């Protein structure tokens, strides 16, 4: 894991820039933006994917596999935080004395001189960022943006704009959200995580307080989330805090922008009440996406847009056009009446929200979860919580092997920890081998069922195996 040096002075002129791990959704967006700004960009990644192909299509050379030779004549290296310290390109840059920027520092370089809208929170950042961007575009603005996921309606995760606004998904996992010169901050929630980096819950909460305090113009923050309310209490206890720049949103009775009358029987429908000097203003909305959590995300985005001066009705209508982001309950295939979806959910809170959303599309079928635990540290800490939300929200769960990503294996920490915590062993199967899991799912699923893979790791790569296994079951001779 490579963490950002928050005190590093970012060069004004980056010269030729090489991205290590360019295929990630955030990295690819930053690389695209630099390329569009006229910066010579190259990159590498351990495997090809949708993002690497898209970058190559616009003229960015991408090497598959990591090798010191890939650095070439680069003047600056930009690295993903998930990189191993022994990466040959990273080591070569250090040996040559090249500036090495964390992904967030590349983003800070892009956003210099702009009016930055930073979206932070343990969950909902990518969707909320996408909603704000969609809302701004629909309301006639032309913002720059870098999101952590591809916005479906735009087909990209980033784009340059002509006006002063720059909307970014700000990552709290390594304090990098403190790097940005934030004018308007949105905090979706504050659910303590990443304690392997912060060391304690207190340090995690203090970072969010610093982020909230640093918003120069306005802070928009959840009125519902306990962690967010804790941050609010810390700000309000500060004699120097300006309460007039704080705006709350959510279902709480005291929220400035309040969500009411939520209907999640299909794509989310709701009403919103905005407190103002002339009383309460009410609007109704129907989203294109599912789930109560997305209604909450939309109200947070609305609070940002109205805080920027956009009329509430027009802003809400524009937000309602948001069609989702890739890997957020993304439909992949239907085979033999079984629908297959994929989602980025990798924390118990996110898994619970995902399963709640999926219920709206299941109908009379069953909801089958395919859970890939992500990180040994997270699995060891939260396996009971994962088991609880999976058993409560899904009709059946298949647990895969842990995707350790940047972490070394930890003895005794496997997907079996999650499966073993189910109270009803008949509702879960631990199948670490992917082909075995795909074959099991094909045999178990029946017409009308919804199957959803979930993790921020590599689980989406099992989908072709599942689809092929389903096709083989439906038509054994049709291969």
Protein backbone atom coordinates (compact mmCIF):
# COMPACT_ATOMS: atom_id res chain seq x y z
CA UNK A 1 0.00 0.00 0.00
CA UNK A 2 1.30 3.46 -0.91
CA UNK A 3 -0.06 6.37 1.10
CA UNK A 4 0.02 10.02 -0.01
CA UNK A 5 2.55 12.42 1.49
CA UNK A 6 0.20 15.26 2.39
CA UNK A 7 3.13 17.68 2.69
CA UNK A 8 4.59 16.92 -0.74
CA UNK A 9 4.79 19.95 -3.01
CA UNK A 10 3.16 19.05 -6.31
CA UNK A 11 5.18 20.28 -9.30
CA UNK A 12 3.47 22.94 -11.41
CA UNK A 13 4.77 21.28 -14.59
CA UNK A 14 4.44 17.50 -14.55
CA UNK A 15 6.09 16.92 -17.93
CA UNK A 16 5.43 13.45 -19.30
CA UNK A 17 3.31 11.44 -16.84
CA UNK A 18 3.23 7.66 -16.43
CA UNK A 19 0.31 6.10 -14.50
CA UNK A 20 0.96 2.81 -12.68
CA UNK A 21 -2.38 1.06 -12.24
CA UNK A 22 -4.04 3.17 -14.94
CA UNK A 23 -6.98 0.78 -15.36
CA UNK A 24 -8.65 1.64 -12.05
CA UNK A 25 -11.82 3.72 -12.32
CA UNK A 26 -10.34 6.68 -10.47
CA UNK A 27 -6.89 6.44 -12.06
CA UNK A 28 -8.28 6.13 -15.58
CA UNK A 29 -10.41 9.22 -15.06
CA UNK A 30 -7.44 11.30 -13.92
CA UNK A 31 -5.31 10.00 -16.80
CA UNK A 32 -8.06 10.88 -19.27
CA UNK A 33 -8.32 14.41 -17.86
CA UNK A 34 -4.57 15.01 -18.04
CA UNK A 35 -4.50 13.72 -21.63
CA UNK A 36 -7.37 16.06 -22.51
CA UNK A 37 -5.43 18.92 -20.90
CA UNK A 38 -2.52 18.27 -23.26
CA UNK A 39 -0.26 16.39 -20.83
CA UNK A 40 1.64 13.48 -22.48
CA UNK A 41 0.33 10.38 -20.67
CA UNK A 42 1.29 6.69 -20.66
CA UNK A 43 0.21 3.95 -18.31
CA UNK A 44 0.38 0.34 -17.24
CA UNK A 45 -1.77 -2.17 -15.41
CA UNK A 46 -1.56 -5.82 -14.45
CA UNK A 47 -4.46 -6.73 -16.78
CA UNK A 48 -6.57 -5.21 -19.53
CA UNK A 49 -10.12 -4.05 -18.83
CA UNK A 50 -12.84 -1.71 -20.10
CA UNK A 51 -10.95 1.35 -18.88
CA UNK A 52 -7.59 0.45 -20.43
CA UNK A 53 -9.31 -0.17 -23.77
CA UNK A 54 -11.12 3.17 -23.55
CA UNK A 55 -7.85 4.99 -22.80
CA UNK A 56 -6.06 3.33 -25.69
CA UNK A 57 -8.95 4.37 -27.95
CA UNK A 58 -8.23 8.05 -27.25
CA UNK A 59 -4.48 7.66 -27.84
CA UNK A 60 -3.00 6.84 -24.42
CA UNK A 61 -0.44 3.99 -24.67
CA UNK A 62 -1.13 1.32 -22.02
CA UNK A 63 1.28 -1.53 -21.22
CA UNK A 64 -0.24 -4.70 -19.76
CA UNK A 65 2.02 -6.09 -17.06
CA UNK A 66 4.42 -4.16 -14.85
CA UNK A 67 8.03 -3.64 -15.93
CA UNK A 68 10.59 -0.93 -15.16
CA UNK A 69 10.93 -0.31 -18.91
CA UNK A 70 7.33 0.94 -18.98
CA UNK A 71 8.40 4.15 -17.22
CA UNK A 72 10.26 5.15 -20.39
CA UNK A 73 11.09 8.85 -20.54
CA UNK A 74 8.42 9.90 -18.03
CA UNK A 75 9.10 12.95 -15.87
CA UNK A 76 6.46 12.15 -13.23
CA UNK A 77 4.90 8.95 -11.91
CA UNK A 78 1.30 8.77 -10.67
CA UNK A 79 0.50 5.68 -8.61
CA UNK A 80 -2.60 4.05 -7.20
CA UNK A 81 -2.56 3.57 -3.45
CA UNK A 82 -3.19 -0.15 -3.93
CA UNK A 83 0.27 -0.60 -5.45
CA UNK A 84 2.77 -2.92 -3.79
CA UNK A 85 5.98 -1.23 -2.61
CA UNK A 86 8.08 -3.60 -4.70
CA UNK A 87 6.39 -2.67 -8.00
CA UNK A 88 9.25 -2.44 -10.56
CA UNK A 89 7.96 0.79 -12.11
CA UNK A 90 7.61 2.44 -8.72
CA UNK A 91 11.10 1.29 -7.73
CA UNK A 92 12.57 2.53 -11.04
CA UNK A 93 11.02 5.99 -10.55
CA UNK A 94 12.45 6.24 -7.03
CA UNK A 95 15.90 5.21 -8.25
CA UNK A 96 15.78 7.87 -10.97
CA UNK A 97 14.61 10.53 -8.52
CA UNK A 98 11.34 11.19 -10.37
CA UNK A 99 8.47 12.87 -8.54
CA UNK A 100 6.03 10.15 -7.48
CA UNK A 101 2.49 11.41 -6.94
CA UNK A 102 -0.32 9.51 -5.28
CA UNK A 103 -3.50 9.36 -7.37
CA UNK A 104 -5.10 12.00 -5.15
CA UNK A 105 -2.22 14.41 -5.80
CA UNK A 106 -2.73 14.01 -9.54
CA UNK A 107 -6.36 14.91 -8.96
CA UNK A 108 -5.40 17.90 -6.80
CA UNK A 109 -3.14 19.08 -9.66
CA UNK A 110 -6.07 18.91 -12.09
CA UNK A 111 -8.38 20.79 -9.72
CA UNK A 112 -6.00 23.68 -8.98
CA UNK A 113 -7.67 27.07 -9.37
CA UNK A 114 -11.16 25.55 -9.61
CA UNK A 115 -14.17 25.84 -7.29
CA UNK A 116 -14.05 22.32 -5.92
CA UNK A 117 -17.07 20.31 -4.81
CA UNK A 118 -15.71 17.35 -2.80
CA UNK A 119 -17.93 14.36 -2.03
CA UNK A 120 -16.81 12.21 0.91
CA UNK A 121 -18.25 9.46 3.05
CA UNK A 122 -17.88 5.77 3.76
CA UNK A 123 -20.73 4.87 1.39
CA UNK A 124 -22.55 6.54 -1.49
CA UNK A 125 -19.70 8.73 -2.73
CA UNK A 126 -19.66 7.50 -6.31
CA UNK A 127 -23.42 7.64 -6.75
CA UNK A 128 -23.72 11.05 -5.06
CA UNK A 129 -20.91 12.44 -7.21
CA UNK A 130 -22.62 11.09 -10.32
CA UNK A 131 -25.92 12.63 -9.26
CA UNK A 132 -24.32 16.04 -8.69
CA UNK A 133 -22.59 15.94 -12.08
CA UNK A 134 -25.79 14.80 -13.82
CA UNK A 135 -27.77 17.48 -12.01
CA UNK A 136 -25.32 20.24 -12.91
CA UNK A 137 -25.24 19.23 -16.56
CA UNK A 138 -29.03 19.02 -16.69
CA UNK A 139 -29.35 22.42 -15.04
CA UNK A 140 -27.14 24.05 -17.69
CA UNK A 141 -23.75 24.07 -15.94
CA UNK A 142 -20.57 22.63 -17.48
CA UNK A 143 -18.45 21.27 -14.61
CA UNK A 144 -15.21 19.35 -14.71
CA UNK A 145 -15.46 16.10 -12.78
CA UNK A 146 -13.59 12.99 -11.69
CA UNK A 147 -15.73 10.22 -10.25
CA UNK A 148 -14.76 6.87 -8.77
CA UNK A 149 -16.99 5.04 -11.25
CA UNK A 150 -18.23 5.40 -14.81
CA UNK A 151 -21.44 7.44 -15.05
CA UNK A 152 -23.64 5.28 -17.28
CA UNK A 153 -25.32 8.13 -19.17
CA UNK A 154 -21.96 9.72 -20.00
CA UNK A 155 -19.90 6.57 -20.54
CA UNK A 156 -16.92 8.06 -18.67
CA UNK A 157 -15.79 8.64 -15.09
CA UNK A 158 -14.29 12.06 -15.79
CA UNK A 159 -14.59 15.03 -18.08
CA UNK A 160 -13.32 18.58 -18.52
CA UNK A 161 -15.79 21.44 -18.24
CA UNK A 162 -15.75 25.09 -19.21
CA UNK A 163 -16.98 26.64 -15.97
CA UNK A 164 -15.34 27.07 -12.57
CA UNK A 165 -16.88 24.04 -10.86
CA UNK A 166 -14.89 20.83 -10.41
CA UNK A 167 -16.74 17.91 -8.79
CA UNK A 168 -14.62 15.14 -7.30
CA UNK A 169 -15.12 11.95 -5.33
CA UNK A 170 -12.84 12.50 -2.35
CA UNK A 171 -11.34 9.39 -0.73
CA UNK A 172 -11.19 9.26 3.05
CA UNK A 173 -9.38 5.92 3.25
CA UNK A 174 -5.90 7.48 3.49
CA UNK A 175 -6.63 11.12 4.44
CA UNK A 176 -6.19 12.17 0.82
CA UNK A 177 -9.52 14.04 0.96
CA UNK A 178 -7.65 16.65 3.00
CA UNK A 179 -5.46 17.51 -0.01
CA UNK A 180 -8.15 19.35 -1.94
CA UNK A 181 -8.95 23.05 -1.73
CA UNK A 182 -12.61 22.28 -1.12
CA UNK A 183 -15.20 25.04 -1.54
CA UNK A 184 -18.31 22.88 -1.05
CA UNK A 185 -18.16 19.57 0.82
CA UNK A 186 -20.79 16.83 0.84
CA UNK A 187 -20.48 14.20 3.58
CA UNK A 188 -22.83 11.30 2.87
CA UNK A 189 -22.07 9.43 6.11
CA UNK A 190 -19.22 8.77 8.52
CA UNK A 191 -18.97 5.04 9.16
CA UNK A 192 -15.56 4.35 10.75
CA UNK A 193 -13.52 2.11 8.48
CA UNK A 194 -9.92 1.93 7.23
CA UNK A 195 -8.75 1.64 10.83
CA UNK A 196 -5.70 -0.23 9.57
CA UNK A 197 -4.55 3.19 8.30
CA UNK A 198 -5.96 5.50 10.96
CA UNK A 199 -5.15 3.32 13.94
CA UNK A 200 -8.22 4.32 15.94
CA UNK A 201 -11.81 5.41 15.55
CA UNK A 202 -10.90 8.76 17.13
CA UNK A 203 -8.31 9.49 14.44
CA UNK A 204 -10.80 8.58 11.71
CA UNK A 205 -13.44 10.90 13.13
CA UNK A 206 -10.91 13.71 13.59
CA UNK A 207 -10.00 13.51 9.89
CA UNK A 208 -13.64 13.99 8.94
CA UNK A 209 -13.92 16.96 11.28
CA UNK A 210 -10.86 18.49 9.60
CA UNK A 211 -12.37 17.83 6.16
CA UNK A 212 -15.70 19.39 7.17
CA UNK A 213 -13.99 22.38 8.73
CA UNK A 214 -11.96 22.93 5.57
CA UNK A 215 -14.96 23.54 3.31
CA UNK A 216 -14.58 27.25 2.52
CA UNK A 217 -18.12 27.99 1.35
CA UNK A 218 -20.55 25.34 2.48
CA UNK A 219 -20.77 21.97 4.21
CA UNK A 220 -23.65 19.65 3.29
CA UNK A 221 -23.85 16.73 5.72
CA UNK A 222 -26.21 13.91 6.64
CA UNK A 223 -28.67 14.59 9.44
CA UNK A 224 -29.39 10.86 9.83
CA UNK A 225 -26.03 9.13 10.11
CA UNK A 226 -24.71 8.84 13.70
CA UNK A 227 -21.11 9.45 12.64
CA UNK A 228 -22.08 12.53 10.64
CA UNK A 229 -24.03 13.89 13.60
CA UNK A 230 -20.93 13.35 15.71
CA UNK A 231 -18.93 15.44 13.23
CA UNK A 232 -21.66 18.10 13.34
CA UNK A 233 -21.53 18.19 17.14
CA UNK A 234 -17.75 18.71 17.03
CA UNK A 235 -18.12 21.57 14.55
CA UNK A 236 -20.88 23.26 16.53
CA UNK A 237 -18.81 23.01 19.70
CA UNK A 238 -16.06 25.01 17.98
CA UNK A 239 -16.49 28.73 18.85
CA UNK A 240 -15.00 29.69 15.49
CA UNK A 241 -17.43 27.58 13.45
CA UNK A 242 -19.88 29.40 11.17
CA UNK A 243 -23.22 27.61 11.54
CA UNK A 244 -24.67 29.47 8.55
CA UNK A 245 -22.46 27.54 6.13
CA UNK A 246 -23.72 24.14 7.36
CA UNK A 247 -26.69 22.49 5.65
CA UNK A 248 -28.11 19.11 6.63
CA UNK A 249 -30.09 16.57 4.62
CA UNK A 250 -31.88 13.29 5.22
CA UNK A 251 -35.01 11.89 6.83
CA UNK A 252 -34.44 13.42 10.27
CA UNK A 253 -37.10 15.90 11.38
CA UNK A 254 -34.47 18.63 11.81
CA UNK A 255 -32.89 18.22 8.34
CA UNK A 256 -32.70 21.39 6.26
CA UNK A 257 -33.41 19.37 3.11
CA UNK A 258 -35.73 16.61 4.24
CA UNK A 259 -36.63 13.36 2.52
CA UNK A 260 -40.24 12.22 3.09
CA UNK A 261 -42.77 9.73 1.71
CA UNK A 262 -40.26 7.30 0.16
CA UNK A 263 -41.64 4.54 -2.10
CA UNK A 264 -39.13 1.80 -3.05
CA UNK A 265 -41.53 -0.66 -4.69
CA UNK A 266 -39.86 0.24 -8.00
CA UNK A 267 -37.37 2.96 -8.94
CA UNK A 268 -37.31 5.24 -5.90
CA UNK A 269 -40.04 7.87 -5.59
CA UNK A 270 -40.17 10.45 -2.83
CA UNK A 271 -40.96 13.98 -1.77
CA UNK A 272 -38.49 16.52 -0.45
CA UNK A 273 -39.07 19.50 1.82
CA UNK A 274 -36.60 22.39 1.83
CA UNK A 275 -36.55 24.78 4.75
CA UNK A 276 -36.17 28.40 3.68
CA UNK A 277 -36.74 31.96 4.88
CA UNK A 278 -40.28 31.92 3.46
CA UNK A 279 -41.25 28.56 4.90
CA UNK A 280 -41.08 24.99 3.61
CA UNK A 281 -40.81 24.34 -0.13
CA UNK A 282 -42.02 20.91 -1.29
CA UNK A 283 -41.12 18.95 -4.44
CA UNK A 284 -41.78 15.40 -5.64
CA UNK A 285 -39.36 13.20 -7.57
CA UNK A 286 -39.12 9.84 -9.34
CA UNK A 287 -35.61 8.49 -9.84
CA UNK A 288 -34.31 6.09 -12.47
CA UNK A 289 -32.47 4.01 -9.84
CA UNK A 290 -33.65 1.75 -7.04
CA UNK A 291 -33.35 1.86 -3.27
CA UNK A 292 -34.03 4.07 -0.29
CA UNK A 293 -30.32 4.85 -0.05
CA UNK A 294 -30.45 6.36 -3.54
CA UNK A 295 -33.34 8.59 -2.50
CA UNK A 296 -31.11 9.80 0.35
CA UNK A 297 -28.20 10.28 -2.07
CA UNK A 298 -30.43 12.33 -4.37
CA UNK A 299 -31.51 14.61 -1.54
CA UNK A 300 -27.87 15.18 -0.59
CA UNK A 301 -27.07 16.07 -4.21
CA UNK A 302 -30.08 18.40 -4.26
CA UNK A 303 -28.78 20.15 -1.13
CA UNK A 304 -25.48 20.77 -2.91
CA UNK A 305 -27.11 22.09 -6.09
CA UNK A 306 -29.53 24.40 -4.30
CA UNK A 307 -26.62 25.59 -2.15
CA UNK A 308 -24.86 26.53 -5.39
CA UNK A 309 -27.87 28.63 -6.34
CA UNK A 310 -29.78 26.31 -8.67
CA UNK A 311 -33.59 26.30 -8.45
CA UNK A 312 -34.80 23.26 -6.51
CA UNK A 313 -37.38 21.95 -8.96
CA UNK A 314 -35.09 22.12 -11.98
CA UNK A 315 -32.18 20.66 -10.01
CA UNK A 316 -34.26 17.74 -8.76
CA UNK A 317 -35.61 17.02 -12.25
CA UNK A 318 -32.03 16.94 -13.57
CA UNK A 319 -30.83 14.64 -10.77
CA UNK A 320 -33.73 12.29 -11.55
CA UNK A 321 -32.12 11.61 -14.95
CA UNK A 322 -29.16 9.91 -13.27
CA UNK A 323 -29.10 6.32 -14.53
CA UNK A 324 -26.46 4.86 -12.25
CA UNK A 325 -22.77 4.09 -12.46
CA UNK A 326 -20.96 0.97 -13.57
CA UNK A 327 -20.66 -1.71 -10.89
CA UNK A 328 -23.59 -0.22 -8.96
CA UNK A 329 -26.35 -2.83 -9.33
CA UNK A 330 -25.33 -3.16 -12.97
CA UNK A 331 -27.34 -5.60 -15.07
CA UNK A 332 -25.23 -8.08 -17.07
CA UNK A 333 -27.38 -10.87 -18.48
CA UNK A 334 -30.56 -12.91 -18.29
CA UNK A 335 -30.27 -16.62 -18.98
CA UNK A 336 -33.16 -19.02 -18.58
CA UNK A 337 -35.11 -16.45 -16.59
CA UNK A 338 -32.22 -15.84 -14.14
CA UNK A 339 -31.07 -12.22 -14.05
CA UNK A 340 -27.42 -11.53 -13.21
CA UNK A 341 -26.27 -8.23 -11.66
CA UNK A 342 -23.01 -6.92 -10.23
CA UNK A 343 -22.31 -4.36 -7.53
CA UNK A 344 -19.34 -2.72 -5.81
CA UNK A 345 -20.73 -3.24 -2.29
CA UNK A 346 -17.90 -4.27 0.03
CA UNK A 347 -18.98 -3.10 3.50
CA UNK A 348 -21.92 -4.46 5.54
CA UNK A 349 -23.79 -1.16 5.28
CA UNK A 350 -23.40 -1.16 1.50
CA UNK A 351 -24.38 -4.82 1.22
CA UNK A 352 -27.56 -4.17 3.25
CA UNK A 353 -28.49 -1.23 1.00
CA UNK A 354 -27.79 -3.24 -2.14
CA UNK A 355 -29.95 -6.17 -1.05
CA UNK A 356 -32.74 -3.78 -0.10
CA UNK A 357 -32.59 -2.26 -3.61
CA UNK A 358 -32.46 -5.68 -5.27
CA UNK A 359 -35.67 -6.74 -3.52
CA UNK A 360 -37.53 -4.20 -5.63
CA UNK A 361 -36.67 -6.08 -8.83
CA UNK A 362 -36.85 -9.69 -7.63
CA UNK A 363 -40.63 -10.06 -7.73
CA UNK A 364 -41.64 -13.64 -6.94
CA UNK A 365 -38.13 -15.05 -7.39
CA UNK A 366 -35.30 -15.48 -4.93
CA UNK A 367 -32.39 -13.13 -4.26
CA UNK A 368 -29.05 -14.96 -4.48
CA UNK A 369 -25.95 -13.12 -3.25
CA UNK A 370 -22.41 -13.94 -4.40
CA UNK A 371 -20.14 -12.34 -1.82
CA UNK A 372 -16.40 -11.96 -2.39
CA UNK A 373 -14.84 -10.77 0.89
CA UNK A 374 -12.42 -7.92 0.17
CA UNK A 375 -9.25 -7.46 2.25
CA UNK A 376 -8.14 -9.77 5.02
CA UNK A 377 -8.27 -6.92 7.53
CA UNK A 378 -11.90 -6.05 6.71
CA UNK A 379 -12.96 -9.69 6.66
CA UNK A 380 -11.32 -10.42 10.00
CA UNK A 381 -12.96 -7.37 11.58
CA UNK A 382 -16.44 -7.53 10.05
CA UNK A 383 -17.21 -11.16 9.14
CA UNK A 384 -20.06 -11.38 11.66
CA UNK A 385 -21.65 -8.19 10.33
CA UNK A 386 -21.38 -9.45 6.74
CA UNK A 387 -23.04 -12.74 7.70
CA UNK A 388 -25.84 -10.93 9.48
CA UNK A 389 -26.78 -8.62 6.59
CA UNK A 390 -26.40 -11.36 3.97
CA UNK A 391 -28.57 -13.81 5.89
CA UNK A 392 -31.18 -11.14 6.56
CA UNK A 393 -31.26 -9.67 3.05
CA UNK A 394 -30.66 -12.59 0.65
CA UNK A 395 -32.48 -15.86 0.25
CA UNK A 396 -29.23 -17.69 -0.39
CA UNK A 397 -25.55 -16.69 -0.36
CA UNK A 398 -22.43 -18.07 -1.98
CA UNK A 399 -19.23 -16.88 -0.31
CA UNK A 400 -16.03 -16.87 -2.37
CA UNK A 401 -12.38 -16.70 -1.35
CA UNK A 402 -11.04 -13.43 0.05
CA UNK A 403 -9.65 -10.94 -2.47
CA UNK A 404 -6.68 -9.67 -0.50
CA UNK A 405 -5.85 -6.91 -3.02
CA UNK A 406 -2.96 -4.98 -1.48
CA UNK A 407 -2.75 -7.12 1.67
CA UNK A 408 -0.79 -10.27 2.45
CA UNK A 409 -2.84 -13.32 3.53
CA UNK A 410 -3.64 -13.61 7.23
CA UNK A 411 -3.68 -17.15 8.70
CA UNK A 412 -7.22 -18.22 9.54
CA UNK A 413 -8.91 -15.37 7.69
CA UNK A 414 -10.89 -16.84 4.80
CA UNK A 415 -14.39 -16.57 3.38
CA UNK A 416 -15.32 -19.46 5.67
CA UNK A 417 -15.44 -16.95 8.54
CA UNK A 418 -18.46 -15.29 6.91
CA UNK A 419 -20.18 -18.55 6.00
CA UNK A 420 -19.66 -20.05 9.45
CA UNK A 421 -21.40 -17.08 11.09
CA UNK A 422 -24.74 -17.82 9.39
CA UNK A 423 -27.30 -19.10 11.87
CA UNK A 424 -28.89 -21.28 9.14
CA UNK A 425 -26.16 -23.23 7.37
CA UNK A 426 -28.60 -24.27 4.62
CA UNK A 427 -28.73 -20.67 3.37
CA UNK A 428 -25.02 -20.33 2.62
CA UNK A 429 -22.29 -22.15 0.72
CA UNK A 430 -18.57 -21.40 0.97
CA UNK A 431 -17.09 -22.15 -2.45
CA UNK A 432 -13.63 -20.63 -2.87
CA UNK A 433 -13.07 -22.10 -6.34
CA UNK A 434 -14.79 -19.96 -8.95
CA UNK A 435 -15.76 -22.66 -11.41
CA UNK A 436 -17.24 -24.74 -8.61
CA UNK A 437 -19.18 -21.67 -7.49
CA UNK A 438 -20.44 -20.93 -11.02
CA UNK A 439 -21.59 -24.53 -11.50
CA UNK A 440 -23.30 -24.52 -8.11
CA UNK A 441 -25.13 -21.27 -8.87
CA UNK A 442 -26.30 -22.54 -12.25
CA UNK A 443 -27.68 -25.68 -10.63
CA UNK A 444 -29.29 -23.79 -7.73
CA UNK A 445 -30.87 -20.85 -9.58
CA UNK A 446 -34.29 -21.12 -11.19
CA UNK A 447 -36.36 -18.84 -13.45
CA UNK A 448 -37.34 -15.63 -11.71
CA UNK A 449 -34.29 -15.51 -9.45
CA UNK A 450 -31.96 -12.51 -9.25
CA UNK A 451 -28.28 -13.26 -8.76
CA UNK A 452 -25.97 -10.42 -7.70
CA UNK A 453 -22.19 -10.52 -7.30
CA UNK A 454 -20.76 -8.05 -4.80
CA UNK A 455 -17.30 -6.77 -3.90
CA UNK A 456 -14.96 -3.94 -4.85
CA UNK A 457 -12.46 -6.65 -5.80
CA UNK A 458 -12.33 -8.91 -8.84
CA UNK A 459 -15.69 -10.65 -8.42
CA UNK A 460 -17.11 -9.13 -11.62
CA UNK A 461 -14.73 -11.41 -13.52
CA UNK A 462 -16.69 -14.47 -12.43
CA UNK A 463 -19.79 -13.27 -14.28
CA UNK A 464 -18.83 -14.81 -17.67
CA UNK A 465 -18.33 -18.16 -15.90
CA UNK A 466 -21.73 -17.89 -14.22
CA UNK A 467 -23.45 -16.91 -17.46
CA UNK A 468 -21.78 -19.78 -19.34
CA UNK A 469 -22.78 -22.24 -16.62
CA UNK A 470 -26.37 -20.98 -16.76
CA UNK A 471 -26.41 -21.36 -20.55
CA UNK A 472 -25.05 -24.87 -20.28
CA UNK A 473 -27.83 -25.73 -17.84
CA UNK A 474 -30.53 -24.26 -20.08
CA UNK A 475 -29.18 -25.77 -23.29
CA UNK A 476 -26.43 -28.38 -22.73
CA UNK A 477 -26.00 -28.87 -26.47
CA UNK A 478 -26.07 -25.18 -27.30
CA UNK A 479 -22.42 -24.49 -26.63
